[in-house]
């Protein structure tokens, strides 16, 4: 099949891409549903994914750079058996209010994956963004169930 997608896998859950499971790809501001036909590991964190309806190289190439999603219900179904106690899904974090020095600072608008870990993208009301490493010493997640994070960045990381 020449319509295979070469993907970067950020999930630690190996059965995300089991045959016939649905995945979604955002195409032109709409999420399109595809059924998994085949999946195999490829190098370190990569995979080769075959999806129903993507049958040729040009269609596969048109999806380059797209994110692949699963349904929230599927993520919740696997939460208890796959996530460690202090681990969270991205959707648990994105949208959280962020507090700094006791005051509302902004909200998490995105999470960037790097080789060394994750970085929170925090948007403040002035349209400005800050990047804070998502590490225990800088981000307190004790109130994440209340949709709240408290940050303790190192000196010089925030210029307010």
C-alpha atoms as a PDB file:
ATOM      1  CA  UNK A   1       0.000   0.000   0.000  1.00  0.00           C
ATOM      2  CA  UNK A   2       1.507   3.330  -1.009  1.00  0.00           C
ATOM      3  CA  UNK A   3      -0.831   5.409   1.176  1.00  0.00           C
ATOM      4  CA  UNK A   4       0.886   4.574   4.457  1.00  0.00           C
ATOM      5  CA  UNK A   5       1.487   7.452   6.846  1.00  0.00           C
ATOM      6  CA  UNK A   6       4.796   7.767   8.643  1.00  0.00           C
ATOM      7  CA  UNK A   7       3.871   9.113  12.071  1.00  0.00           C
ATOM      8  CA  UNK A   8       5.512  10.295  15.271  1.00  0.00           C
ATOM      9  CA  UNK A   9       3.867   8.439  18.146  1.00  0.00           C
ATOM     10  CA  UNK A  10       3.486  10.441  21.359  1.00  0.00           C
ATOM     11  CA  UNK A  11       1.226   7.911  23.076  1.00  0.00           C
ATOM     12  CA  UNK A  12       2.670   5.256  25.364  1.00  0.00           C
ATOM     13  CA  UNK A  13      -0.408   3.113  24.773  1.00  0.00           C
ATOM     14  CA  UNK A  14       0.454   0.531  22.162  1.00  0.00           C
ATOM     15  CA  UNK A  15      -3.110  -0.498  21.313  1.00  0.00           C
ATOM     16  CA  UNK A  16      -4.150   2.988  20.151  1.00  0.00           C
ATOM     17  CA  UNK A  17      -3.720   1.848  16.548  1.00  0.00           C
ATOM     18  CA  UNK A  18      -5.314  -1.610  16.660  1.00  0.00           C
ATOM     19  CA  UNK A  19      -7.034  -2.770  13.484  1.00  0.00           C
ATOM     20  CA  UNK A  20     -10.524  -1.290  12.937  1.00  0.00           C
ATOM     21  CA  UNK A  21     -10.165   1.293  15.744  1.00  0.00           C
ATOM     22  CA  UNK A  22     -11.225   4.786  14.708  1.00  0.00           C
ATOM     23  CA  UNK A  23      -8.825   7.718  14.553  1.00  0.00           C
ATOM     24  CA  UNK A  24      -9.476  11.298  13.475  1.00  0.00           C
ATOM     25  CA  UNK A  25      -7.427  13.705  11.384  1.00  0.00           C
ATOM     26  CA  UNK A  26      -8.192  17.417  11.236  1.00  0.00           C
ATOM     27  CA  UNK A  27      -8.638  18.356   7.576  1.00  0.00           C
ATOM     28  CA  UNK A  28      -9.774  21.884   6.653  1.00  0.00           C
ATOM     29  CA  UNK A  29     -11.023  22.636  10.196  1.00  0.00           C
ATOM     30  CA  UNK A  30     -13.076  19.412  10.333  1.00  0.00           C
ATOM     31  CA  UNK A  31     -12.221  16.129  11.993  1.00  0.00           C
ATOM     32  CA  UNK A  32     -12.448  13.252   9.529  1.00  0.00           C
ATOM     33  CA  UNK A  33     -12.844   9.709  10.861  1.00  0.00           C
ATOM     34  CA  UNK A  34     -10.697   6.851   9.519  1.00  0.00           C
ATOM     35  CA  UNK A  35     -10.501   3.170  10.466  1.00  0.00           C
ATOM     36  CA  UNK A  36      -7.071   1.712  11.147  1.00  0.00           C
ATOM     37  CA  UNK A  37      -6.131  -1.018   8.676  1.00  0.00           C
ATOM     38  CA  UNK A  38      -2.595  -1.729   9.836  1.00  0.00           C
ATOM     39  CA  UNK A  39       0.052  -0.300  12.134  1.00  0.00           C
ATOM     40  CA  UNK A  40       3.692  -1.172  12.699  1.00  0.00           C
ATOM     41  CA  UNK A  41       6.504   0.382  14.670  1.00  0.00           C
ATOM     42  CA  UNK A  42       9.082   2.356  12.730  1.00  0.00           C
ATOM     43  CA  UNK A  43      12.347   3.456  14.377  1.00  0.00           C
ATOM     44  CA  UNK A  44      12.363   5.032  17.868  1.00  0.00           C
ATOM     45  CA  UNK A  45       9.018   6.794  18.331  1.00  0.00           C
ATOM     46  CA  UNK A  46       7.732   6.338  14.832  1.00  0.00           C
ATOM     47  CA  UNK A  47       5.102   4.225  13.225  1.00  0.00           C
ATOM     48  CA  UNK A  48       3.707   3.299   9.836  1.00  0.00           C
ATOM     49  CA  UNK A  49      -0.058   3.644   9.758  1.00  0.00           C
ATOM     50  CA  UNK A  50      -2.465   2.470   7.083  1.00  0.00           C
ATOM     51  CA  UNK A  51      -5.928   4.015   7.180  1.00  0.00           C
ATOM     52  CA  UNK A  52      -9.059   3.099   5.283  1.00  0.00           C
ATOM     53  CA  UNK A  53      -9.618   5.615   2.485  1.00  0.00           C
ATOM     54  CA  UNK A  54      -5.992   6.700   2.167  1.00  0.00           C
ATOM     55  CA  UNK A  55      -4.935   4.582  -0.764  1.00  0.00           C
ATOM     56  CA  UNK A  56      -2.246   6.541  -2.578  1.00  0.00           C
ATOM     57  CA  UNK A  57       0.921   8.477  -1.956  1.00  0.00           C
ATOM     58  CA  UNK A  58      -0.506  11.898  -2.904  1.00  0.00           C
ATOM     59  CA  UNK A  59      -3.387  11.576  -0.427  1.00  0.00           C
ATOM     60  CA  UNK A  60      -0.955  10.468   2.284  1.00  0.00           C
ATOM     61  CA  UNK A  61       1.399  13.371   1.501  1.00  0.00           C
ATOM     62  CA  UNK A  62      -1.501  15.839   1.686  1.00  0.00           C
ATOM     63  CA  UNK A  63      -1.830  14.896   5.377  1.00  0.00           C
ATOM     64  CA  UNK A  64       1.826  15.612   6.188  1.00  0.00           C
ATOM     65  CA  UNK A  65       2.055  17.602   9.418  1.00  0.00           C
ATOM     66  CA  UNK A  66      -1.486  16.726  10.510  1.00  0.00           C
ATOM     67  CA  UNK A  67      -2.256  15.524  14.013  1.00  0.00           C
ATOM     68  CA  UNK A  68      -4.039  12.234  14.624  1.00  0.00           C
ATOM     69  CA  UNK A  69      -6.612  12.080  17.410  1.00  0.00           C
ATOM     70  CA  UNK A  70      -8.693   9.501  19.217  1.00  0.00           C
ATOM     71  CA  UNK A  71     -12.099   9.956  20.831  1.00  0.00           C
ATOM     72  CA  UNK A  72     -12.072  11.265  24.388  1.00  0.00           C
ATOM     73  CA  UNK A  73     -14.203   8.291  25.472  1.00  0.00           C
ATOM     74  CA  UNK A  74     -11.443   5.948  24.242  1.00  0.00           C
ATOM     75  CA  UNK A  75      -8.823   7.866  26.214  1.00  0.00           C
ATOM     76  CA  UNK A  76     -10.963   7.761  29.347  1.00  0.00           C
ATOM     77  CA  UNK A  77     -11.575   4.034  28.897  1.00  0.00           C
ATOM     78  CA  UNK A  78      -7.840   3.406  29.095  1.00  0.00           C
ATOM     79  CA  UNK A  79      -6.972   6.046  31.742  1.00  0.00           C
ATOM     80  CA  UNK A  80      -6.933   3.761  34.770  1.00  0.00           C
ATOM     81  CA  UNK A  81      -4.817   0.998  33.261  1.00  0.00           C
ATOM     82  CA  UNK A  82      -2.406   3.136  31.262  1.00  0.00           C
ATOM     83  CA  UNK A  83      -1.674   6.373  33.107  1.00  0.00           C
ATOM     84  CA  UNK A  84       0.517   6.567  36.149  1.00  0.00           C
ATOM     85  CA  UNK A  85      -0.931   8.439  39.132  1.00  0.00           C
ATOM     86  CA  UNK A  86       0.762  11.777  38.402  1.00  0.00           C
ATOM     87  CA  UNK A  87       0.335  11.605  34.616  1.00  0.00           C
ATOM     88  CA  UNK A  88      -2.261  13.428  32.564  1.00  0.00           C
ATOM     89  CA  UNK A  89      -3.656  13.554  29.070  1.00  0.00           C
ATOM     90  CA  UNK A  90      -2.984  16.746  27.137  1.00  0.00           C
ATOM     91  CA  UNK A  91      -6.693  17.586  27.228  1.00  0.00           C
ATOM     92  CA  UNK A  92      -6.538  17.550  31.047  1.00  0.00           C
ATOM     93  CA  UNK A  93      -3.970  20.360  30.891  1.00  0.00           C
ATOM     94  CA  UNK A  94      -4.917  22.476  27.860  1.00  0.00           C
ATOM     95  CA  UNK A  95      -7.371  25.125  28.998  1.00  0.00           C
ATOM     96  CA  UNK A  96      -6.259  25.077  32.634  1.00  0.00           C
ATOM     97  CA  UNK A  97      -6.045  28.452  34.365  1.00  0.00           C
ATOM     98  CA  UNK A  98      -2.464  29.260  35.307  1.00  0.00           C
ATOM     99  CA  UNK A  99      -1.603  31.097  38.520  1.00  0.00           C
ATOM    100  CA  UNK A 100       1.687  32.842  39.259  1.00  0.00           C
ATOM    101  CA  UNK A 101       2.499  34.464  42.610  1.00  0.00           C
ATOM    102  CA  UNK A 102      -1.093  33.937  43.763  1.00  0.00           C
ATOM    103  CA  UNK A 103      -2.708  35.690  40.796  1.00  0.00           C
ATOM    104  CA  UNK A 104      -4.326  34.502  37.587  1.00  0.00           C
ATOM    105  CA  UNK A 105      -1.584  34.685  34.974  1.00  0.00           C
ATOM    106  CA  UNK A 106      -3.159  33.102  31.883  1.00  0.00           C
ATOM    107  CA  UNK A 107      -4.227  29.738  30.540  1.00  0.00           C
ATOM    108  CA  UNK A 108      -2.548  26.779  28.883  1.00  0.00           C
ATOM    109  CA  UNK A 109      -3.197  27.101  25.147  1.00  0.00           C
ATOM    110  CA  UNK A 110      -1.017  24.233  23.931  1.00  0.00           C
ATOM    111  CA  UNK A 111       1.686  21.739  24.852  1.00  0.00           C
ATOM    112  CA  UNK A 112       4.847  21.384  22.819  1.00  0.00           C
ATOM    113  CA  UNK A 113       6.650  18.036  22.803  1.00  0.00           C
ATOM    114  CA  UNK A 114      10.431  18.214  22.773  1.00  0.00           C
ATOM    115  CA  UNK A 115      13.056  15.527  23.039  1.00  0.00           C
ATOM    116  CA  UNK A 116      13.622  16.470  26.669  1.00  0.00           C
ATOM    117  CA  UNK A 117       9.978  16.671  27.722  1.00  0.00           C
ATOM    118  CA  UNK A 118       6.904  18.853  27.366  1.00  0.00           C
ATOM    119  CA  UNK A 119       6.636  22.632  27.380  1.00  0.00           C
ATOM    120  CA  UNK A 120       3.433  24.407  28.360  1.00  0.00           C
ATOM    121  CA  UNK A 121       2.411  27.285  26.113  1.00  0.00           C
ATOM    122  CA  UNK A 122       0.699  29.799  28.386  1.00  0.00           C
ATOM    123  CA  UNK A 123      -1.309  32.571  26.790  1.00  0.00           C
ATOM    124  CA  UNK A 124      -1.953  35.689  28.817  1.00  0.00           C
ATOM    125  CA  UNK A 125      -4.743  38.167  28.201  1.00  0.00           C
ATOM    126  CA  UNK A 126      -2.477  40.595  26.375  1.00  0.00           C
ATOM    127  CA  UNK A 127      -2.029  38.098  23.515  1.00  0.00           C
ATOM    128  CA  UNK A 128       1.465  37.266  24.703  1.00  0.00           C
ATOM    129  CA  UNK A 129       2.667  33.676  25.173  1.00  0.00           C
ATOM    130  CA  UNK A 130       5.135  32.210  27.614  1.00  0.00           C
ATOM    131  CA  UNK A 131       6.770  28.792  27.459  1.00  0.00           C
ATOM    132  CA  UNK A 132       7.269  26.963  30.735  1.00  0.00           C
ATOM    133  CA  UNK A 133       8.886  23.529  31.000  1.00  0.00           C
ATOM    134  CA  UNK A 134       6.318  21.065  32.333  1.00  0.00           C
ATOM    135  CA  UNK A 135       8.479  19.803  35.181  1.00  0.00           C
ATOM    136  CA  UNK A 136       7.514  19.230  38.806  1.00  0.00           C
ATOM    137  CA  UNK A 137       9.822  21.968  40.105  1.00  0.00           C
ATOM    138  CA  UNK A 138       8.094  24.625  37.959  1.00  0.00           C
ATOM    139  CA  UNK A 139       4.487  23.430  37.604  1.00  0.00           C
ATOM    140  CA  UNK A 140       2.287  22.469  40.546  1.00  0.00           C
ATOM    141  CA  UNK A 141      -0.495  20.128  39.400  1.00  0.00           C
ATOM    142  CA  UNK A 142      -2.137  19.591  42.820  1.00  0.00           C
ATOM    143  CA  UNK A 143      -5.305  21.386  41.709  1.00  0.00           C
ATOM    144  CA  UNK A 144      -5.496  20.087  38.137  1.00  0.00           C
ATOM    145  CA  UNK A 145      -8.897  18.490  38.884  1.00  0.00           C
ATOM    146  CA  UNK A 146     -10.109  22.075  39.489  1.00  0.00           C
ATOM    147  CA  UNK A 147      -8.651  23.088  36.095  1.00  0.00           C
ATOM    148  CA  UNK A 148      -5.895  25.059  37.840  1.00  0.00           C
ATOM    149  CA  UNK A 149      -2.088  24.985  37.633  1.00  0.00           C
ATOM    150  CA  UNK A 150       0.360  27.078  39.639  1.00  0.00           C
ATOM    151  CA  UNK A 151       3.722  27.899  38.123  1.00  0.00           C
ATOM    152  CA  UNK A 152       7.047  28.559  39.834  1.00  0.00           C
ATOM    153  CA  UNK A 153       9.395  29.431  36.938  1.00  0.00           C
ATOM    154  CA  UNK A 154      13.062  30.026  37.418  1.00  0.00           C
ATOM    155  CA  UNK A 155      14.138  33.654  37.647  1.00  0.00           C
ATOM    156  CA  UNK A 156      14.272  35.395  34.281  1.00  0.00           C
ATOM    157  CA  UNK A 157      11.874  33.048  32.502  1.00  0.00           C
ATOM    158  CA  UNK A 158       8.942  35.458  32.840  1.00  0.00           C
ATOM    159  CA  UNK A 159       9.413  39.157  32.166  1.00  0.00           C
ATOM    160  CA  UNK A 160       6.503  40.914  33.890  1.00  0.00           C
END
